[in-house]
C-alpha atoms as a PDB file:
ATOM      1  CA  MET A   1      48.653  56.326   1.204  1.00  0.00           C
ATOM      2  CA  ILE A   2      47.872  52.579   1.126  1.00  0.00           C
ATOM      3  CA  THR A   3      44.628  51.241  -0.295  1.00  0.00           C
ATOM      4  CA  THR A   4      43.626  47.684  -1.075  1.00  0.00           C
ATOM      5  CA  THR A   5      40.385  46.928  -2.879  1.00  0.00           C
ATOM      6  CA  GLY A   6      38.863  43.462  -3.108  1.00  0.00           C
ATOM      7  CA  LEU A   7      42.264  41.938  -2.387  1.00  0.00           C
ATOM      8  CA  THR A   8      42.174  38.145  -2.699  1.00  0.00           C
ATOM      9  CA  LYS A   9      44.952  35.577  -2.454  1.00  0.00           C
ATOM     10  CA  VAL A  10      44.288  31.887  -3.115  1.00  0.00           C
ATOM     11  CA  TYR A  11      47.009  29.271  -2.703  1.00  0.00           C
ATOM     12  CA  ARG A  12      46.708  26.087  -4.733  1.00  0.00           C
ATOM     13  CA  SER A  13      48.545  22.909  -3.770  1.00  0.00           C
ATOM     14  CA  ARG A  14      47.910  19.283  -4.697  1.00  0.00           C
ATOM     15  CA  GLY A  15      44.446  19.985  -5.961  1.00  0.00           C
ATOM     16  CA  ARG A  16      43.434  21.968  -2.879  1.00  0.00           C
ATOM     17  CA  GLU A  17      42.692  25.654  -2.584  1.00  0.00           C
ATOM     18  CA  VAL A  18      43.315  27.764   0.502  1.00  0.00           C
ATOM     19  CA  THR A  19      41.987  31.313   0.560  1.00  0.00           C
ATOM     20  CA  ALA A  20      44.393  33.426   2.615  1.00  0.00           C
ATOM     21  CA  LEU A  21      42.798  36.776   1.716  1.00  0.00           C
ATOM     22  CA  ASP A  22      39.115  37.064   0.905  1.00  0.00           C
ATOM     23  CA  GLY A  23      38.220  40.435  -0.595  1.00  0.00           C
ATOM     24  CA  VAL A  24      40.191  42.703   1.753  1.00  0.00           C
ATOM     25  CA  ASP A  25      39.387  46.421   1.591  1.00  0.00           C
ATOM     26  CA  LEU A  26      41.799  48.536   3.619  1.00  0.00           C
ATOM     27  CA  HIS A  27      42.747  52.191   3.694  1.00  0.00           C
ATOM     28  CA  VAL A  28      45.779  53.577   5.526  1.00  0.00           C
ATOM     29  CA  ARG A  29      45.988  57.349   5.603  1.00  0.00           C
ATOM     30  CA  GLU A  30      49.197  59.229   4.951  1.00  0.00           C
ATOM     31  CA  GLY A  31      51.333  59.781   8.050  1.00  0.00           C
ATOM     32  CA  GLU A  32      49.527  57.397  10.395  1.00  0.00           C
ATOM     33  CA  VAL A  33      50.614  54.247  12.188  1.00  0.00           C
ATOM     34  CA  PHE A  34      48.111  51.542  11.264  1.00  0.00           C
ATOM     35  CA  GLY A  35      48.022  48.145  12.962  1.00  0.00           C
ATOM     36  CA  VAL A  36      46.518  44.967  11.530  1.00  0.00           C
ATOM     37  CA  VAL A  37      45.813  42.522  14.336  1.00  0.00           C
ATOM     38  CA  GLY A  38      44.534  38.974  14.399  1.00  0.00           C
ATOM     39  CA  GLN A  39      45.340  35.418  15.404  1.00  0.00           C
ATOM     40  CA  SER A  40      47.709  33.135  13.487  1.00  0.00           C
ATOM     41  CA  GLY A  41      46.192  32.157  10.160  1.00  0.00           C
ATOM     42  CA  ALA A  42      44.033  35.280   9.914  1.00  0.00           C
ATOM     43  CA  GLY A  43      45.866  36.414   6.774  1.00  0.00           C
ATOM     44  CA  LYS A  44      47.885  39.280   8.260  1.00  0.00           C
ATOM     45  CA  SER A  45      51.301  38.342   6.871  1.00  0.00           C
ATOM     46  CA  THR A  46      49.859  37.482   3.466  1.00  0.00           C
ATOM     47  CA  LEU A  47      48.246  40.924   3.413  1.00  0.00           C
ATOM     48  CA  ILE A  48      51.464  42.800   4.106  1.00  0.00           C
ATOM     49  CA  ARG A  49      53.371  40.720   1.532  1.00  0.00           C
ATOM     50  CA  CYS A  50      50.703  41.535  -1.039  1.00  0.00           C
ATOM     51  CA  VAL A  51      50.991  45.236  -0.238  1.00  0.00           C
ATOM     52  CA  ASN A  52      54.555  45.305  -1.601  1.00  0.00           C
ATOM     53  CA  LEU A  53      53.846  42.486  -4.078  1.00  0.00           C
ATOM     54  CA  LEU A  54      56.261  40.004  -2.562  1.00  0.00           C
ATOM     55  CA  GLU A  55      53.125  37.915  -3.049  1.00  0.00           C
ATOM     56  CA  ARG A  56      51.090  38.446  -6.215  1.00  0.00           C
ATOM     57  CA  PRO A  57      47.403  38.749  -5.318  1.00  0.00           C
ATOM     58  CA  SER A  58      44.973  36.450  -7.128  1.00  0.00           C
ATOM     59  CA  SER A  59      42.666  39.444  -7.678  1.00  0.00           C
ATOM     60  CA  GLY A  60      42.036  42.950  -6.429  1.00  0.00           C
ATOM     61  CA  THR A  61      44.217  46.051  -6.411  1.00  0.00           C
ATOM     62  CA  VAL A  62      46.975  47.520  -4.232  1.00  0.00           C
ATOM     63  CA  THR A  63      47.704  51.245  -4.433  1.00  0.00           C
ATOM     64  CA  VAL A  64      50.656  52.739  -2.553  1.00  0.00           C
ATOM     65  CA  ALA A  65      51.554  56.441  -2.693  1.00  0.00           C
ATOM     66  CA  GLY A  66      49.340  56.872  -5.739  1.00  0.00           C
ATOM     67  CA  SER A  67      50.794  53.944  -7.716  1.00  0.00           C
ATOM     68  CA  ASP A  68      48.658  50.913  -8.559  1.00  0.00           C
ATOM     69  CA  LEU A  69      51.226  48.195  -7.930  1.00  0.00           C
ATOM     70  CA  THR A  70      49.011  45.447  -9.287  1.00  0.00           C
ATOM     71  CA  ALA A  71      48.913  47.261 -12.636  1.00  0.00           C
ATOM     72  CA  LEU A  72      52.726  47.184 -12.693  1.00  0.00           C
ATOM     73  CA  ALA A  73      52.943  43.451 -12.090  1.00  0.00           C
ATOM     74  CA  GLY A  74      53.301  42.452 -15.730  1.00  0.00           C
ATOM     75  CA  ASN A  75      56.106  40.385 -17.266  1.00  0.00           C
ATOM     76  CA  SER A  76      57.549  43.066 -19.548  1.00  0.00           C
ATOM     77  CA  HIS A  77      60.872  44.740 -18.813  1.00  0.00           C
ATOM     78  CA  ARG A  78      59.154  48.125 -18.554  1.00  0.00           C
ATOM     79  CA  ALA A  79      56.584  46.827 -16.053  1.00  0.00           C
ATOM     80  CA  SER A  80      59.303  45.160 -13.951  1.00  0.00           C
ATOM     81  CA  ALA A  81      61.347  48.365 -13.864  1.00  0.00           C
ATOM     82  CA  ALA A  82      58.295  50.405 -12.868  1.00  0.00           C
ATOM     83  CA  LEU A  83      57.461  47.918 -10.096  1.00  0.00           C
ATOM     84  CA  ARG A  84      61.021  48.078  -8.741  1.00  0.00           C
ATOM     85  CA  GLN A  85      60.811  51.852  -8.715  1.00  0.00           C
ATOM     86  CA  ALA A  86      57.493  51.769  -6.844  1.00  0.00           C
ATOM     87  CA  ARG A  87      58.840  49.230  -4.353  1.00  0.00           C
ATOM     88  CA  SER A  88      61.799  51.491  -3.590  1.00  0.00           C
ATOM     89  CA  ARG A  89      59.313  53.757  -1.798  1.00  0.00           C
ATOM     90  CA  ILE A  90      58.299  50.902   0.512  1.00  0.00           C
ATOM     91  CA  GLY A  91      60.554  49.744   3.360  1.00  0.00           C
ATOM     92  CA  MET A  92      60.085  46.346   5.040  1.00  0.00           C
ATOM     93  CA  VAL A  93      61.023  45.227   8.562  1.00  0.00           C
ATOM     94  CA  PHE A  94      60.931  41.483   9.256  1.00  0.00           C
ATOM     95  CA  GLN A  95      60.276  39.473  12.395  1.00  0.00           C
ATOM     96  CA  HIS A  96      63.580  37.596  12.322  1.00  0.00           C
ATOM     97  CA  PHE A  97      65.789  40.527  11.236  1.00  0.00           C
ATOM     98  CA  ASN A  98      67.142  38.787   8.064  1.00  0.00           C
ATOM     99  CA  LEU A  99      70.613  40.271   8.503  1.00  0.00           C
ATOM    100  CA  LEU A 100      73.633  38.870   6.646  1.00  0.00           C
ATOM    101  CA  SER A 101      75.999  37.425   9.251  1.00  0.00           C
ATOM    102  CA  SER A 102      79.044  37.920   7.000  1.00  0.00           C
ATOM    103  CA  ARG A 103      78.488  41.674   6.734  1.00  0.00           C
ATOM    104  CA  THR A 104      79.041  44.350   9.340  1.00  0.00           C
ATOM    105  CA  VAL A 105      76.139  46.405  10.624  1.00  0.00           C
ATOM    106  CA  GLN A 106      77.069  49.163   8.188  1.00  0.00           C
ATOM    107  CA  GLY A 107      77.384  46.642   5.366  1.00  0.00           C
ATOM    108  CA  ASN A 108      73.873  45.346   6.043  1.00  0.00           C
ATOM    109  CA  VAL A 109      72.436  48.857   5.880  1.00  0.00           C
ATOM    110  CA  GLU A 110      74.361  49.565   2.667  1.00  0.00           C
ATOM    111  CA  LEU A 111      73.048  46.447   0.892  1.00  0.00           C
ATOM    112  CA  PRO A 112      69.869  47.980  -0.606  1.00  0.00           C
ATOM    113  CA  LEU A 113      71.900  51.029  -1.642  1.00  0.00           C
ATOM    114  CA  GLU A 114      74.295  48.753  -3.509  1.00  0.00           C
ATOM    115  CA  ILE A 115      71.349  47.203  -5.327  1.00  0.00           C
ATOM    116  CA  LEU A 116      70.181  50.698  -6.270  1.00  0.00           C
ATOM    117  CA  GLY A 117      73.633  51.419  -7.716  1.00  0.00           C
ATOM    118  CA  ILE A 118      74.618  54.124  -5.221  1.00  0.00           C
ATOM    119  CA  SER A 119      78.353  54.914  -5.123  1.00  0.00           C
ATOM    120  CA  GLY A 120      80.492  53.616  -2.260  1.00  0.00           C
ATOM    121  CA  LYS A 121      81.098  57.016  -0.669  1.00  0.00           C
ATOM    122  CA  GLU A 122      77.430  57.946  -0.758  1.00  0.00           C
ATOM    123  CA  ARG A 123      76.434  54.492   0.574  1.00  0.00           C
ATOM    124  CA  SER A 124      78.747  54.892   3.535  1.00  0.00           C
ATOM    125  CA  ARG A 125      77.487  58.390   4.318  1.00  0.00           C
ATOM    126  CA  LYS A 126      73.865  57.302   4.130  1.00  0.00           C
ATOM    127  CA  ALA A 127      74.398  54.163   6.243  1.00  0.00           C
ATOM    128  CA  ILE A 128      76.147  56.098   9.026  1.00  0.00           C
ATOM    129  CA  GLU A 129      73.372  58.682   8.982  1.00  0.00           C
ATOM    130  CA  LEU A 130      70.677  55.990   9.300  1.00  0.00           C
ATOM    131  CA  LEU A 131      72.512  54.158  12.063  1.00  0.00           C
ATOM    132  CA  GLY A 132      72.667  57.420  13.979  1.00  0.00           C
ATOM    133  CA  LEU A 133      68.923  57.823  13.457  1.00  0.00           C
ATOM    134  CA  VAL A 134      68.209  54.436  15.091  1.00  0.00           C
ATOM    135  CA  GLY A 135      70.766  54.938  17.872  1.00  0.00           C
ATOM    136  CA  LEU A 136      73.488  52.563  16.621  1.00  0.00           C
ATOM    137  CA  ALA A 137      76.182  54.876  15.217  1.00  0.00           C
ATOM    138  CA  ASP A 138      78.755  53.199  17.496  1.00  0.00           C
ATOM    139  CA  LYS A 139      77.938  49.712  16.151  1.00  0.00           C
ATOM    140  CA  ALA A 140      78.739  50.358  12.484  1.00  0.00           C
ATOM    141  CA  ARG A 141      81.721  47.960  12.425  1.00  0.00           C
ATOM    142  CA  ALA A 142      80.143  45.270  14.606  1.00  0.00           C
ATOM    143  CA  TYR A 143      78.668  42.048  13.203  1.00  0.00           C
ATOM    144  CA  PRO A 144      75.111  40.815  13.796  1.00  0.00           C
ATOM    145  CA  ALA A 145      76.317  38.050  16.131  1.00  0.00           C
ATOM    146  CA  GLN A 146      77.627  40.743  18.487  1.00  0.00           C
ATOM    147  CA  LEU A 147      74.259  42.472  18.800  1.00  0.00           C
ATOM    148  CA  SER A 148      71.219  41.984  21.013  1.00  0.00           C
ATOM    149  CA  GLY A 149      67.825  41.228  19.501  1.00  0.00           C
ATOM    150  CA  GLY A 150      66.704  44.819  19.855  1.00  0.00           C
ATOM    151  CA  GLN A 151      69.886  46.106  18.218  1.00  0.00           C
ATOM    152  CA  LYS A 152      69.437  43.687  15.318  1.00  0.00           C
ATOM    153  CA  GLN A 153      65.932  44.983  14.774  1.00  0.00           C
ATOM    154  CA  ARG A 154      67.214  48.553  14.797  1.00  0.00           C
ATOM    155  CA  VAL A 155      69.660  47.578  12.052  1.00  0.00           C
ATOM    156  CA  GLY A 156      66.741  46.055  10.150  1.00  0.00           C
ATOM    157  CA  ILE A 157      64.819  49.317  10.495  1.00  0.00           C
ATOM    158  CA  ALA A 158      67.825  51.376   9.327  1.00  0.00           C
ATOM    159  CA  ARG A 159      68.193  49.081   6.307  1.00  0.00           C
ATOM    160  CA  ALA A 160      64.473  49.465   5.522  1.00  0.00           C
ATOM    161  CA  LEU A 161      64.936  53.254   5.492  1.00  0.00           C
ATOM    162  CA  ALA A 162      67.898  53.203   3.109  1.00  0.00           C
ATOM    163  CA  GLY A 163      65.793  53.939   0.024  1.00  0.00           C
ATOM    164  CA  ASP A 164      64.043  56.935   1.646  1.00  0.00           C
ATOM    165  CA  PRO A 165      60.663  55.172   1.621  1.00  0.00           C
ATOM    166  CA  LYS A 166      57.323  56.868   2.076  1.00  0.00           C
ATOM    167  CA  VAL A 167      55.858  53.716   3.637  1.00  0.00           C
ATOM    168  CA  LEU A 168      57.306  51.342   6.228  1.00  0.00           C
ATOM    169  CA  LEU A 169      55.866  47.829   6.557  1.00  0.00           C
ATOM    170  CA  SER A 170      56.503  45.872   9.748  1.00  0.00           C
ATOM    171  CA  ASP A 171      55.720  42.148   9.884  1.00  0.00           C
ATOM    172  CA  GLU A 172      55.592  41.089  13.566  1.00  0.00           C
ATOM    173  CA  ALA A 173      58.775  43.119  14.106  1.00  0.00           C
ATOM    174  CA  THR A 174      58.571  42.933  17.910  1.00  0.00           C
ATOM    175  CA  SER A 175      57.219  39.419  18.503  1.00  0.00           C
ATOM    176  CA  ALA A 176      60.702  37.944  19.057  1.00  0.00           C
ATOM    177  CA  LEU A 177      61.699  40.637  21.573  1.00  0.00           C
ATOM    178  CA  ASP A 178      61.285  40.996  25.327  1.00  0.00           C
ATOM    179  CA  PRO A 179      58.736  43.544  26.639  1.00  0.00           C
ATOM    180  CA  GLU A 180      61.218  46.315  27.428  1.00  0.00           C
ATOM    181  CA  THR A 181      62.928  46.012  24.035  1.00  0.00           C
ATOM    182  CA  THR A 182      59.528  45.891  22.358  1.00  0.00           C
ATOM    183  CA  ARG A 183      58.614  49.217  23.952  1.00  0.00           C
ATOM    184  CA  SER A 184      61.853  50.809  22.736  1.00  0.00           C
ATOM    185  CA  ILE A 185      61.340  49.562  19.156  1.00  0.00           C
ATOM    186  CA  LEU A 186      57.735  50.775  19.126  1.00  0.00           C
ATOM    187  CA  GLN A 187      58.868  54.175  20.386  1.00  0.00           C
ATOM    188  CA  LEU A 188      61.483  54.252  17.620  1.00  0.00           C
ATOM    189  CA  LEU A 189      58.815  53.517  15.005  1.00  0.00           C
ATOM    190  CA  ARG A 190      56.636  56.306  16.405  1.00  0.00           C
ATOM    191  CA  ASP A 191      59.600  58.719  16.411  1.00  0.00           C
ATOM    192  CA  LEU A 192      60.413  57.860  12.783  1.00  0.00           C
ATOM    193  CA  ASN A 193      56.754  58.262  11.877  1.00  0.00           C
ATOM    194  CA  GLN A 194      56.788  61.787  13.284  1.00  0.00           C
ATOM    195  CA  GLN A 195      60.285  62.875  12.228  1.00  0.00           C
ATOM    196  CA  LEU A 196      60.216  61.539   8.665  1.00  0.00           C
ATOM    197  CA  GLY A 197      56.491  61.671   7.985  1.00  0.00           C
ATOM    198  CA  LEU A 198      56.496  57.924   7.416  1.00  0.00           C
ATOM    199  CA  THR A 199      53.277  55.994   6.996  1.00  0.00           C
ATOM    200  CA  VAL A 200      53.663  52.775   9.014  1.00  0.00           C
ATOM    201  CA  LEU A 201      51.641  49.609   8.449  1.00  0.00           C
ATOM    202  CA  LEU A 202      52.394  46.983  11.066  1.00  0.00           C
ATOM    203  CA  ILE A 203      51.212  43.426  11.489  1.00  0.00           C
ATOM    204  CA  THR A 204      50.867  42.034  14.995  1.00  0.00           C
ATOM    205  CA  HIS A 205      48.978  39.576  17.153  1.00  0.00           C
ATOM    206  CA  GLU A 206      49.704  41.636  20.277  1.00  0.00           C
ATOM    207  CA  MET A 207      47.014  44.048  21.414  1.00  0.00           C
ATOM    208  CA  ASP A 208      49.578  45.963  23.493  1.00  0.00           C
ATOM    209  CA  VAL A 209      51.349  46.941  20.266  1.00  0.00           C
ATOM    210  CA  VAL A 210      48.144  48.470  18.907  1.00  0.00           C
ATOM    211  CA  LYS A 211      47.472  50.183  22.221  1.00  0.00           C
ATOM    212  CA  THR A 212      50.997  51.603  22.454  1.00  0.00           C
ATOM    213  CA  VAL A 213      51.699  52.961  18.992  1.00  0.00           C
ATOM    214  CA  CYS A 214      48.772  52.776  16.540  1.00  0.00           C
ATOM    215  CA  ASP A 215      46.536  55.617  15.382  1.00  0.00           C
ATOM    216  CA  SER A 216      44.192  53.205  13.577  1.00  0.00           C
ATOM    217  CA  ALA A 217      43.691  49.461  13.523  1.00  0.00           C
ATOM    218  CA  ALA A 218      41.950  46.636  11.709  1.00  0.00           C
ATOM    219  CA  LEU A 219      40.931  43.222  13.004  1.00  0.00           C
ATOM    220  CA  MET A 220      41.347  40.284  10.625  1.00  0.00           C
ATOM    221  CA  LYS A 221      39.630  36.907  10.828  1.00  0.00           C
ATOM    222  CA  GLY A 222      39.611  34.155   8.234  1.00  0.00           C
ATOM    223  CA  GLY A 223      41.255  36.315   5.580  1.00  0.00           C
ATOM    224  CA  ARG A 224      38.802  39.194   6.001  1.00  0.00           C
ATOM    225  CA  VAL A 225      38.869  42.577   7.702  1.00  0.00           C
ATOM    226  CA  VAL A 226      35.961  42.407  10.129  1.00  0.00           C
ATOM    227  CA  GLU A 227      36.496  45.727  11.902  1.00  0.00           C
ATOM    228  CA  THR A 228      38.508  48.856  11.177  1.00  0.00           C
ATOM    229  CA  GLY A 229      38.789  52.479  12.294  1.00  0.00           C
ATOM    230  CA  THR A 230      40.831  54.878  14.379  1.00  0.00           C
ATOM    231  CA  VAL A 231      41.550  53.553  17.851  1.00  0.00           C
ATOM    232  CA  SER A 232      39.455  56.297  19.447  1.00  0.00           C
ATOM    233  CA  GLU A 233      36.527  55.504  17.111  1.00  0.00           C
ATOM    234  CA  LEU A 234      36.757  51.821  17.925  1.00  0.00           C
ATOM    235  CA  LEU A 235      36.768  52.496  21.658  1.00  0.00           C
ATOM    236  CA  ALA A 236      33.605  54.552  21.213  1.00  0.00           C
ATOM    237  CA  THR A 237      31.833  51.937  19.081  1.00  0.00           C
ATOM    238  CA  PRO A 238      29.288  49.786  20.945  1.00  0.00           C
ATOM    239  CA  GLY A 239      29.999  46.096  20.452  1.00  0.00           C
ATOM    240  CA  SER A 240      33.530  46.661  19.119  1.00  0.00           C
ATOM    241  CA  GLU A 241      35.516  43.463  19.476  1.00  0.00           C
ATOM    242  CA  LEU A 242      38.793  45.339  19.119  1.00  0.00           C
ATOM    243  CA  ALA A 243      37.806  47.700  21.935  1.00  0.00           C
ATOM    244  CA  ARG A 244      37.064  44.737  24.199  1.00  0.00           C
ATOM    245  CA  GLU A 245      40.429  43.180  23.319  1.00  0.00           C
ATOM    246  CA  LEU A 246      42.349  46.421  23.797  1.00  0.00           C
ATOM    247  CA  PHE A 247      40.763  47.100  27.181  1.00  0.00           C
ATOM    248  CA  PRO A 248      39.418  43.836  28.555  1.00  0.00           C
ATOM    249  CA  VAL A 249      37.283  44.205  31.650  1.00  0.00           C
ATOM    250  CA  GLY A 250      35.849  41.106  33.274  1.00  0.00           C
ATOM    251  CA  GLY A 251      33.191  40.450  35.835  1.00  0.00           C
ATOM    252  CA  ASP A 252      29.799  38.767  35.901  1.00  0.00           C
ATOM    253  CA  ALA A 253      26.588  39.808  37.596  1.00  0.00           C
ATOM    254  CA  THR A 254      26.665  38.952  41.293  1.00  0.00           C
ATOM    255  CA  GLY A 255      23.061  37.796  41.258  1.00  0.00           C
ATOM    256  CA  ALA A 256      19.726  37.797  39.475  1.00  0.00           C
ATOM    257  CA  GLY A 257      17.881  41.031  38.764  1.00  0.00           C
ATOM    258  CA  ARG A 258      20.977  43.110  38.075  1.00  0.00           C
ATOM    259  CA  THR A 259      22.341  44.916  35.001  1.00  0.00           C
ATOM    260  CA  VAL A 260      26.019  44.885  34.026  1.00  0.00           C
ATOM    261  CA  VAL A 261      27.245  47.858  32.002  1.00  0.00           C
ATOM    262  CA  ASP A 262      30.567  48.607  30.260  1.00  0.00           C
ATOM    263  CA  VAL A 263      31.529  52.295  30.363  1.00  0.00           C
ATOM    264  CA  THR A 264      34.276  53.860  28.223  1.00  0.00           C
ATOM    265  CA  PHE A 265      35.972  57.067  29.402  1.00  0.00           C
ATOM    266  CA  LEU A 266      37.936  59.228  26.944  1.00  0.00           C
ATOM    267  CA  GLY A 267      40.176  62.223  27.616  1.00  0.00           C
ATOM    268  CA  GLU A 268      39.125  64.511  30.462  1.00  0.00           C
ATOM    269  CA  ALA A 269      36.253  62.206  31.448  1.00  0.00           C
ATOM    270  CA  THR A 270      38.789  59.789  32.972  1.00  0.00           C
ATOM    271  CA  SER A 271      39.499  62.240  35.810  1.00  0.00           C
ATOM    272  CA  GLN A 272      35.864  63.009  36.653  1.00  0.00           C
ATOM    273  CA  PRO A 273      34.062  61.292  39.599  1.00  0.00           C
ATOM    274  CA  VAL A 274      31.164  60.246  37.364  1.00  0.00           C
ATOM    275  CA  ILE A 275      30.383  56.929  39.048  1.00  0.00           C
ATOM    276  CA  SER A 276      30.193  58.443  42.527  1.00  0.00           C
ATOM    277  CA  GLN A 277      28.005  61.251  41.139  1.00  0.00           C
ATOM    278  CA  LEU A 278      25.695  58.635  39.644  1.00  0.00           C
ATOM    279  CA  ALA A 279      25.421  56.817  42.972  1.00  0.00           C
ATOM    280  CA  ARG A 280      24.625  60.035  44.869  1.00  0.00           C
ATOM    281  CA  THR A 281      22.217  61.445  42.293  1.00  0.00           C
ATOM    282  CA  TYR A 282      20.033  58.334  42.099  1.00  0.00           C
ATOM    283  CA  ASN A 283      20.806  56.895  45.546  1.00  0.00           C
ATOM    284  CA  ILE A 284      21.831  53.523  44.154  1.00  0.00           C
ATOM    285  CA  ASP A 285      24.547  51.078  45.141  1.00  0.00           C
ATOM    286  CA  ILE A 286      27.008  50.487  42.297  1.00  0.00           C
ATOM    287  CA  SER A 287      29.514  47.631  42.188  1.00  0.00           C
ATOM    288  CA  ILE A 288      32.710  47.983  40.127  1.00  0.00           C
ATOM    289  CA  LEU A 289      33.414  44.557  38.622  1.00  0.00           C
ATOM    290  CA  GLY A 290      36.509  45.455  36.619  1.00  0.00           C
ATOM    291  CA  ALA A 291      38.471  48.388  35.206  1.00  0.00           C
ATOM    292  CA  ALA A 292      41.392  49.191  32.896  1.00  0.00           C
ATOM    293  CA  MET A 293      43.091  52.472  32.031  1.00  0.00           C
ATOM    294  CA  ASP A 294      45.931  53.439  29.702  1.00  0.00           C
ATOM    295  CA  THR A 295      47.242  56.243  27.499  1.00  0.00           C
ATOM    296  CA  ILE A 296      46.801  56.076  23.731  1.00  0.00           C
ATOM    297  CA  GLY A 297      48.329  58.754  21.536  1.00  0.00           C
ATOM    298  CA  GLY A 298      48.800  60.978  24.557  1.00  0.00           C
ATOM    299  CA  ARG A 299      45.124  60.653  25.484  1.00  0.00           C
ATOM    300  CA  GLN A 300      43.904  58.919  28.629  1.00  0.00           C
ATOM    301  CA  VAL A 301      41.450  56.098  27.940  1.00  0.00           C
ATOM    302  CA  GLY A 302      39.631  53.896  30.427  1.00  0.00           C
ATOM    303  CA  ARG A 303      36.979  51.181  30.507  1.00  0.00           C
ATOM    304  CA  MET A 304      34.984  50.084  33.522  1.00  0.00           C
ATOM    305  CA  ARG A 305      32.431  47.328  34.081  1.00  0.00           C
ATOM    306  CA  ILE A 306      29.847  48.232  36.695  1.00  0.00           C
ATOM    307  CA  GLU A 307      26.799  46.484  38.105  1.00  0.00           C
ATOM    308  CA  LEU A 308      23.532  48.344  38.686  1.00  0.00           C
ATOM    309  CA  PRO A 309      20.748  46.959  40.881  1.00  0.00           C
ATOM    310  CA  GLY A 310      17.564  46.035  39.033  1.00  0.00           C
ATOM    311  CA  SER A 311      16.615  45.145  35.467  1.00  0.00           C
ATOM    312  CA  PHE A 312      17.629  47.148  32.422  1.00  0.00           C
ATOM    313  CA  GLU A 313      14.256  48.889  32.308  1.00  0.00           C
ATOM    314  CA  GLU A 314      14.832  50.137  35.851  1.00  0.00           C
ATOM    315  CA  ASN A 315      18.218  51.580  34.861  1.00  0.00           C
ATOM    316  CA  VAL A 316      17.352  53.504  31.695  1.00  0.00           C
ATOM    317  CA  VAL A 317      17.595  56.855  33.503  1.00  0.00           C
ATOM    318  CA  PRO A 318      20.953  56.140  35.259  1.00  0.00           C
ATOM    319  CA  ILE A 319      22.398  54.907  31.943  1.00  0.00           C
ATOM    320  CA  GLY A 320      21.113  58.098  30.304  1.00  0.00           C
ATOM    321  CA  PHE A 321      22.896  60.087  33.015  1.00  0.00           C
ATOM    322  CA  LEU A 322      26.199  58.419  32.095  1.00  0.00           C
ATOM    323  CA  ARG A 323      25.688  59.275  28.437  1.00  0.00           C
ATOM    324  CA  GLU A 324      24.954  62.888  29.348  1.00  0.00           C
ATOM    325  CA  GLN A 325      28.456  63.052  30.837  1.00  0.00           C
ATOM    326  CA  GLY A 326      29.922  62.201  27.406  1.00  0.00           C
ATOM    327  CA  LEU A 327      30.640  58.561  28.253  1.00  0.00           C
ATOM    328  CA  HIS A 328      30.089  55.611  25.927  1.00  0.00           C
ATOM    329  CA  VAL A 329      27.847  53.027  27.551  1.00  0.00           C
ATOM    330  CA  GLU A 330      27.074  49.471  26.515  1.00  0.00           C
ATOM    331  CA  VAL A 331      25.153  46.788  28.350  1.00  0.00           C
ATOM    332  CA  ALA A 332      27.615  43.903  28.686  1.00  0.00           C
ATOM    333  CA  PRO A 333      26.870  40.589  26.962  1.00  0.00           C
ATOM    334  CA  ASP A 334      24.530  38.619  29.208  1.00  0.00           C
ATOM    335  CA  GLY A 335      24.354  41.680  31.429  1.00  0.00           C
ATOM    336  CA  ALA A 336      20.617  42.243  31.047  1.00  0.00           C
ATOM    337  CA  ALA A 337      18.246  40.525  33.392  1.00  0.00           C
ATOM    338  CA  SER A 338      15.807  39.130  30.835  1.00  0.00           C
ATOM    339  CA  PRO A 339      15.283  38.568  27.086  1.00  0.00           C
ATOM    340  CA  ALA A 340      13.099  41.687  26.973  1.00  0.00           C
ATOM    341  CA  ALA A 341      15.836  43.663  28.675  1.00  0.00           C
ATOM    342  CA  SER A 342      18.415  42.339  26.214  1.00  0.00           C
ATOM    343  CA  THR A 343      16.331  43.612  23.322  1.00  0.00           C
ATOM    344  CA  ALA A 344      15.894  46.974  25.004  1.00  0.00           C
ATOM    345  CA  SER A 345      19.604  47.214  25.753  1.00  0.00           C
ATOM    346  CA  ALA A 346      20.473  46.565  22.128  1.00  0.00           C
ATOM    347  CA  ARG A 347      18.272  49.513  21.135  1.00  0.00           C
ATOM    348  CA  ALA A 348      19.845  51.699  23.803  1.00  0.00           C
ATOM    349  CA  VAL A 349      23.381  50.760  22.765  1.00  0.00           C
ATOM    350  CA  ALA A 350      22.582  51.648  19.167  1.00  0.00           C
ATOM    351  CA  ALA A 351      21.306  55.093  20.133  1.00  0.00           C
ATOM    352  CA  PRO A 352      23.759  57.918  19.468  1.00  0.00           C
ATOM    353  CA  ALA A 353      25.743  58.946  22.522  1.00  0.00           C
ATOM    354  CA  GLU A 354      24.758  62.562  22.043  1.00  0.00           C
ATOM    355  CA  GLU A 355      21.049  61.734  22.352  1.00  0.00           C
ATOM    356  CA  GLY A 356      21.311  61.790  26.127  1.00  0.00           C
ATOM    357  CA  ALA A 357      22.848  65.272  26.046  1.00  0.00           C
ATOM    358  CA  LYS A 358      19.868  66.873  24.272  1.00  0.00           C
END
């Protein structure tokens, strides 16, 4: 549904060049909620503004719903009209709402319909319908100053849906909201995704947003996408930085000659007593250094950091046992007891998880 290829954006000011996007390749599948996460300055907001061509990329292509928007970015009247038509299929939700204080809630939702030349009666009908969809039918005649932050964002979402878009872009839409309101807005986005078949691309610096609502995610650093995939794939990928950020588990080795291992549990494995089985089977003492568990997309996911007595070489068989149970196992950074063990652990982490089940 959304594809960027080699997307680059360079800003030039006073003889200086700043590269905000550096060859970004991204693919968002139809009907999914895709999160782009990263720290301030990573290029996230520039990316989303290039997706709907609010910013013209310096090079590269942007394709949305089968239309190459960058090919429509010419100066001719025909190209401008084609770009406007393509943009009408893309809704945008902003961080700071961007509502007109002089207009009622209904008037704000009707604004894009006015621009599209829709008649007054049809505008009114559509606006009331959209306000009902976001739970604000009773606020149609209120003004933005009379609304809470969460209600303002719901108006912004209704306005973004006015043109019946196929794609909804969200630029830090929840970062100005309190946690409870954030959860309600994220649930609304998920509901709209499912009810309307919307493809949602959201920008955030909050890992909880990705954990709560996203099917897939990408990590950006320095204008580049450094990691991307479905959330379940990322959680099962050894060395995934996004997985560590989504489910951080701390804890250092309690002494020399010990091996620290990160274990990821997915689905039914979260309810199985695997660690106690490991301890009984091999008669070893296991320390749990940290753990985190949550639900993603209706599926239980957990991560645990455990400490095994002895060097990595002494724990190859117990680690193999964990893999045989369908778990994803990775020796934690600095968790091996020696340089030789670190090298061995890297090889073990790279081995396919199913190898232990053969």
